[in-house]
């Protein structure tokens, strides 16, 4: 299993620089169909919250931009916090300040499970700890 994960990490390291372009091409050519928004509404950003400050605060918690995610309708920010190679917290912010998030497998470790949303969970309590003071 360790060797298998080593090869997965190596493959992802090689495709990471071009992944956003591959994702966008797959959507444009309809190889991948994606529309709407994923579930698990968490709340709304407080009035006047600066998105750059919000992002900087979450970076201190360990969140980073999620370049592997599909882009949901109206999305302005996608961040993830890796719990391990296999699991992550995924947070999205949308126009108008809506915030959604879920816990899931990473695409690097389990691409098929991730793609099919197998094991996706709300984990609202954990997200509310990360977002304390930022939501209405």
C-alpha atoms as a PDB file:
ATOM      1  CA  UNK A   1       0.000   0.000   0.000  1.00  0.00           C
ATOM      2  CA  UNK A   2       2.849   2.394   0.801  1.00  0.00           C
ATOM      3  CA  UNK A   3       4.411   1.793  -2.615  1.00  0.00           C
ATOM      4  CA  UNK A   4       1.037   2.247  -4.316  1.00  0.00           C
ATOM      5  CA  UNK A   5       0.532   5.605  -2.539  1.00  0.00           C
ATOM      6  CA  UNK A   6       4.067   6.602  -3.539  1.00  0.00           C
ATOM      7  CA  UNK A   7       3.182   6.088  -7.205  1.00  0.00           C
ATOM      8  CA  UNK A   8      -0.123   7.949  -6.810  1.00  0.00           C
ATOM      9  CA  UNK A   9       1.723  10.906  -5.289  1.00  0.00           C
ATOM     10  CA  UNK A  10       4.300  10.829  -8.085  1.00  0.00           C
ATOM     11  CA  UNK A  11       1.627  10.824 -10.796  1.00  0.00           C
ATOM     12  CA  UNK A  12      -0.239  13.718  -9.168  1.00  0.00           C
ATOM     13  CA  UNK A  13       2.982  15.674  -8.763  1.00  0.00           C
ATOM     14  CA  UNK A  14       3.532  15.358 -12.506  1.00  0.00           C
ATOM     15  CA  UNK A  15       0.005  16.393 -13.553  1.00  0.00           C
ATOM     16  CA  UNK A  16      -0.590  19.091 -10.916  1.00  0.00           C
ATOM     17  CA  UNK A  17       0.841  21.948 -13.044  1.00  0.00           C
ATOM     18  CA  UNK A  18      -1.540  21.185 -15.909  1.00  0.00           C
ATOM     19  CA  UNK A  19      -4.522  19.846 -13.992  1.00  0.00           C
ATOM     20  CA  UNK A  20      -6.664  23.028 -14.165  1.00  0.00           C
ATOM     21  CA  UNK A  21      -6.304  23.104 -17.946  1.00  0.00           C
ATOM     22  CA  UNK A  22      -7.138  19.385 -18.229  1.00  0.00           C
ATOM     23  CA  UNK A  23     -10.194  19.855 -15.998  1.00  0.00           C
ATOM     24  CA  UNK A  24     -11.434  22.846 -18.005  1.00  0.00           C
ATOM     25  CA  UNK A  25     -10.888  21.034 -21.310  1.00  0.00           C
ATOM     26  CA  UNK A  26     -12.786  17.973 -20.050  1.00  0.00           C
ATOM     27  CA  UNK A  27     -15.729  20.176 -19.063  1.00  0.00           C
ATOM     28  CA  UNK A  28     -15.665  22.179 -22.297  1.00  0.00           C
ATOM     29  CA  UNK A  29     -15.636  19.021 -24.421  1.00  0.00           C
ATOM     30  CA  UNK A  30     -18.355  17.502 -22.180  1.00  0.00           C
ATOM     31  CA  UNK A  31     -16.191  14.567 -21.118  1.00  0.00           C
ATOM     32  CA  UNK A  32     -17.145  15.753 -17.630  1.00  0.00           C
ATOM     33  CA  UNK A  33     -20.569  17.177 -16.910  1.00  0.00           C
ATOM     34  CA  UNK A  34     -20.764  19.566 -13.993  1.00  0.00           C
ATOM     35  CA  UNK A  35     -23.410  22.105 -13.103  1.00  0.00           C
ATOM     36  CA  UNK A  36     -24.988  23.596 -10.015  1.00  0.00           C
ATOM     37  CA  UNK A  37     -23.535  23.441  -6.535  1.00  0.00           C
ATOM     38  CA  UNK A  38     -22.659  20.620  -4.224  1.00  0.00           C
ATOM     39  CA  UNK A  39     -24.685  20.334  -0.995  1.00  0.00           C
ATOM     40  CA  UNK A  40     -23.847  21.273   2.597  1.00  0.00           C
ATOM     41  CA  UNK A  41     -24.628  24.941   3.070  1.00  0.00           C
ATOM     42  CA  UNK A  42     -22.748  26.330   6.092  1.00  0.00           C
ATOM     43  CA  UNK A  43     -23.904  29.940   6.146  1.00  0.00           C
ATOM     44  CA  UNK A  44     -23.151  33.383   4.770  1.00  0.00           C
ATOM     45  CA  UNK A  45     -20.063  35.527   5.226  1.00  0.00           C
ATOM     46  CA  UNK A  46     -20.674  38.404   7.599  1.00  0.00           C
ATOM     47  CA  UNK A  47     -21.441  41.730   5.969  1.00  0.00           C
ATOM     48  CA  UNK A  48     -18.248  43.507   4.882  1.00  0.00           C
ATOM     49  CA  UNK A  49     -15.917  40.490   5.125  1.00  0.00           C
ATOM     50  CA  UNK A  50     -12.935  40.938   2.833  1.00  0.00           C
ATOM     51  CA  UNK A  51     -12.386  37.714   0.885  1.00  0.00           C
ATOM     52  CA  UNK A  52      -8.595  38.139   0.949  1.00  0.00           C
ATOM     53  CA  UNK A  53      -8.638  38.431   4.764  1.00  0.00           C
ATOM     54  CA  UNK A  54     -10.945  35.420   4.997  1.00  0.00           C
ATOM     55  CA  UNK A  55      -8.591  33.385   2.803  1.00  0.00           C
ATOM     56  CA  UNK A  56      -5.538  34.517   4.799  1.00  0.00           C
ATOM     57  CA  UNK A  57      -7.209  33.514   8.064  1.00  0.00           C
ATOM     58  CA  UNK A  58      -8.046  30.052   6.738  1.00  0.00           C
ATOM     59  CA  UNK A  59      -4.483  29.686   5.433  1.00  0.00           C
ATOM     60  CA  UNK A  60      -3.345  30.002   9.053  1.00  0.00           C
ATOM     61  CA  UNK A  61      -5.605  27.011   9.786  1.00  0.00           C
ATOM     62  CA  UNK A  62      -3.870  25.067   6.988  1.00  0.00           C
ATOM     63  CA  UNK A  63      -6.328  25.653   4.131  1.00  0.00           C
ATOM     64  CA  UNK A  64      -4.914  26.164   0.638  1.00  0.00           C
ATOM     65  CA  UNK A  65      -6.399  26.790  -2.803  1.00  0.00           C
ATOM     66  CA  UNK A  66      -7.995  23.694  -4.251  1.00  0.00           C
ATOM     67  CA  UNK A  67      -6.921  23.528  -7.877  1.00  0.00           C
ATOM     68  CA  UNK A  68      -8.215  19.955  -8.251  1.00  0.00           C
ATOM     69  CA  UNK A  69     -11.872  20.787  -7.646  1.00  0.00           C
ATOM     70  CA  UNK A  70     -14.511  21.318 -10.249  1.00  0.00           C
ATOM     71  CA  UNK A  71     -15.862  24.856 -10.232  1.00  0.00           C
ATOM     72  CA  UNK A  72     -19.419  25.140  -8.947  1.00  0.00           C
ATOM     73  CA  UNK A  73     -21.838  27.687 -10.380  1.00  0.00           C
ATOM     74  CA  UNK A  74     -21.105  31.142  -8.898  1.00  0.00           C
ATOM     75  CA  UNK A  75     -18.004  29.990  -7.026  1.00  0.00           C
ATOM     76  CA  UNK A  76     -15.392  32.634  -6.211  1.00  0.00           C
ATOM     77  CA  UNK A  77     -13.116  30.644  -3.874  1.00  0.00           C
ATOM     78  CA  UNK A  78     -12.275  26.966  -3.369  1.00  0.00           C
ATOM     79  CA  UNK A  79     -10.046  25.919  -0.472  1.00  0.00           C
ATOM     80  CA  UNK A  80      -9.114  22.614   1.077  1.00  0.00           C
ATOM     81  CA  UNK A  81      -7.519  21.431   4.274  1.00  0.00           C
ATOM     82  CA  UNK A  82      -5.736  18.118   3.893  1.00  0.00           C
ATOM     83  CA  UNK A  83      -6.317  15.884   6.876  1.00  0.00           C
ATOM     84  CA  UNK A  84      -4.052  13.290   5.266  1.00  0.00           C
ATOM     85  CA  UNK A  85      -3.162  12.114   1.785  1.00  0.00           C
ATOM     86  CA  UNK A  86      -6.554  10.399   1.682  1.00  0.00           C
ATOM     87  CA  UNK A  87      -9.005  12.896   3.260  1.00  0.00           C
ATOM     88  CA  UNK A  88      -9.746  16.595   3.072  1.00  0.00           C
ATOM     89  CA  UNK A  89     -12.104  19.351   4.152  1.00  0.00           C
ATOM     90  CA  UNK A  90     -13.321  21.231   1.062  1.00  0.00           C
ATOM     91  CA  UNK A  91     -14.719  24.742   1.435  1.00  0.00           C
ATOM     92  CA  UNK A  92     -16.312  26.912  -1.247  1.00  0.00           C
ATOM     93  CA  UNK A  93     -17.399  30.556  -1.217  1.00  0.00           C
ATOM     94  CA  UNK A  94     -19.863  31.879  -3.777  1.00  0.00           C
ATOM     95  CA  UNK A  95     -20.912  35.268  -5.138  1.00  0.00           C
ATOM     96  CA  UNK A  96     -23.131  36.862  -2.530  1.00  0.00           C
ATOM     97  CA  UNK A  97     -21.122  35.317   0.316  1.00  0.00           C
ATOM     98  CA  UNK A  98     -22.679  31.866   0.572  1.00  0.00           C
ATOM     99  CA  UNK A  99     -20.306  29.312   2.120  1.00  0.00           C
ATOM    100  CA  UNK A 100     -20.555  25.564   1.553  1.00  0.00           C
ATOM    101  CA  UNK A 101     -18.265  22.791   2.666  1.00  0.00           C
ATOM    102  CA  UNK A 102     -17.868  19.065   3.002  1.00  0.00           C
ATOM    103  CA  UNK A 103     -15.424  16.389   4.117  1.00  0.00           C
ATOM    104  CA  UNK A 104     -14.358  13.860   1.492  1.00  0.00           C
ATOM    105  CA  UNK A 105     -11.663  11.659   0.048  1.00  0.00           C
ATOM    106  CA  UNK A 106      -8.970  13.446  -1.916  1.00  0.00           C
ATOM    107  CA  UNK A 107      -8.878  13.009  -5.689  1.00  0.00           C
ATOM    108  CA  UNK A 108      -5.208  12.085  -5.385  1.00  0.00           C
ATOM    109  CA  UNK A 109      -5.799   9.084  -3.134  1.00  0.00           C
ATOM    110  CA  UNK A 110      -9.183   7.862  -4.366  1.00  0.00           C
ATOM    111  CA  UNK A 111     -10.061   9.439  -7.732  1.00  0.00           C
ATOM    112  CA  UNK A 112     -13.112   7.250  -8.424  1.00  0.00           C
ATOM    113  CA  UNK A 113     -14.582   7.522  -4.912  1.00  0.00           C
ATOM    114  CA  UNK A 114     -13.945  11.255  -5.014  1.00  0.00           C
ATOM    115  CA  UNK A 115     -15.545  11.667  -8.443  1.00  0.00           C
ATOM    116  CA  UNK A 116     -18.643   9.716  -7.348  1.00  0.00           C
ATOM    117  CA  UNK A 117     -18.870  11.572  -3.993  1.00  0.00           C
ATOM    118  CA  UNK A 118     -18.580   8.271  -2.115  1.00  0.00           C
ATOM    119  CA  UNK A 119     -18.012   8.992   1.553  1.00  0.00           C
ATOM    120  CA  UNK A 120     -18.753  12.722   1.324  1.00  0.00           C
ATOM    121  CA  UNK A 121     -19.935  14.055   4.705  1.00  0.00           C
ATOM    122  CA  UNK A 122     -21.152  17.439   5.981  1.00  0.00           C
ATOM    123  CA  UNK A 123     -18.901  17.640   9.100  1.00  0.00           C
ATOM    124  CA  UNK A 124     -20.666  20.936   9.903  1.00  0.00           C
ATOM    125  CA  UNK A 125     -19.359  21.067  13.492  1.00  0.00           C
ATOM    126  CA  UNK A 126     -15.724  20.998  12.337  1.00  0.00           C
ATOM    127  CA  UNK A 127     -16.362  23.629   9.653  1.00  0.00           C
ATOM    128  CA  UNK A 128     -18.035  25.909  12.173  1.00  0.00           C
ATOM    129  CA  UNK A 129     -14.867  25.758  14.287  1.00  0.00           C
ATOM    130  CA  UNK A 130     -12.756  26.787  11.279  1.00  0.00           C
ATOM    131  CA  UNK A 131     -15.218  29.562  10.380  1.00  0.00           C
ATOM    132  CA  UNK A 132     -15.849  30.906  13.882  1.00  0.00           C
ATOM    133  CA  UNK A 133     -16.440  34.665  13.701  1.00  0.00           C
ATOM    134  CA  UNK A 134     -16.696  34.816   9.895  1.00  0.00           C
ATOM    135  CA  UNK A 135     -20.300  33.704   9.309  1.00  0.00           C
ATOM    136  CA  UNK A 136     -23.659  35.290  10.056  1.00  0.00           C
END
